């Protein structure tokens, strides 16, 4: 006899997969934000130096 998963088991697995995908998405989003900050850092430092030079 074949044991088919119950609807509850399938929904739990789907919920777990959704949670993992959401967590992975947020991690990727955060990495992109940090990468962008590192990419623009030299420009921010240059602007900061210019502003401090005016004080």
Protein backbone atom coordinates (compact mmCIF):
# COMPACT_ATOMS: atom_id res chain seq x y z
CA UNK A 1 0.00 0.00 0.00
CA UNK A 2 1.28 3.45 -0.89
CA UNK A 3 1.46 6.00 1.92
CA UNK A 4 0.50 9.39 0.58
CA UNK A 5 1.45 12.43 2.66
CA UNK A 6 -1.41 14.09 4.47
CA UNK A 7 -2.56 17.57 3.57
CA UNK A 8 -1.17 18.78 6.90
CA UNK A 9 2.26 17.33 6.07
CA UNK A 10 2.22 18.94 2.64
CA UNK A 11 1.18 22.33 4.05
CA UNK A 12 3.86 22.14 6.75
CA UNK A 13 6.51 21.36 4.14
CA UNK A 14 5.29 24.22 1.92
CA UNK A 15 5.31 26.63 4.87
CA UNK A 16 8.85 25.58 5.77
CA UNK A 17 9.99 26.06 2.18
CA UNK A 18 8.32 29.49 2.04
CA UNK A 19 10.03 30.48 5.27
CA UNK A 20 13.39 29.34 3.93
CA UNK A 21 12.87 31.21 0.67
CA UNK A 22 11.83 34.35 2.53
CA UNK A 23 14.89 34.10 4.78
CA UNK A 24 17.15 33.54 1.77
CA UNK A 25 15.57 36.52 -0.03
CA UNK A 26 16.14 38.78 2.98
CA UNK A 27 19.75 37.60 3.26
CA UNK A 28 20.40 38.29 -0.43
CA UNK A 29 18.73 41.69 -0.09
CA UNK A 30 20.95 42.53 2.91
CA UNK A 31 24.10 41.40 1.09
CA UNK A 32 23.18 43.64 -1.84
CA UNK A 33 22.66 46.59 0.51
CA UNK A 34 26.03 46.04 2.18
CA UNK A 35 27.71 45.63 -1.22
CA UNK A 36 26.15 48.88 -2.40
CA UNK A 37 27.33 50.68 0.74
CA UNK A 38 30.88 49.42 0.20
CA UNK A 39 30.69 50.48 -3.45
CA UNK A 40 29.64 54.05 -2.63
CA UNK A 41 31.83 54.41 0.46
CA UNK A 42 34.69 56.23 -1.32
CA UNK A 43 32.23 58.81 -2.66
CA UNK A 44 30.71 59.31 0.79
CA UNK A 45 34.16 59.77 2.33
CA UNK A 46 35.04 62.31 -0.35
CA UNK A 47 31.83 64.25 0.27
CA UNK A 48 32.44 64.09 4.01
CA UNK A 49 35.94 65.51 3.55
CA UNK A 50 34.58 68.32 1.38
CA UNK A 51 31.89 69.19 3.92
CA UNK A 52 34.36 69.10 6.81
CA UNK A 53 36.69 71.34 4.84
CA UNK A 54 33.94 73.98 4.66
CA UNK A 55 33.42 74.11 8.42
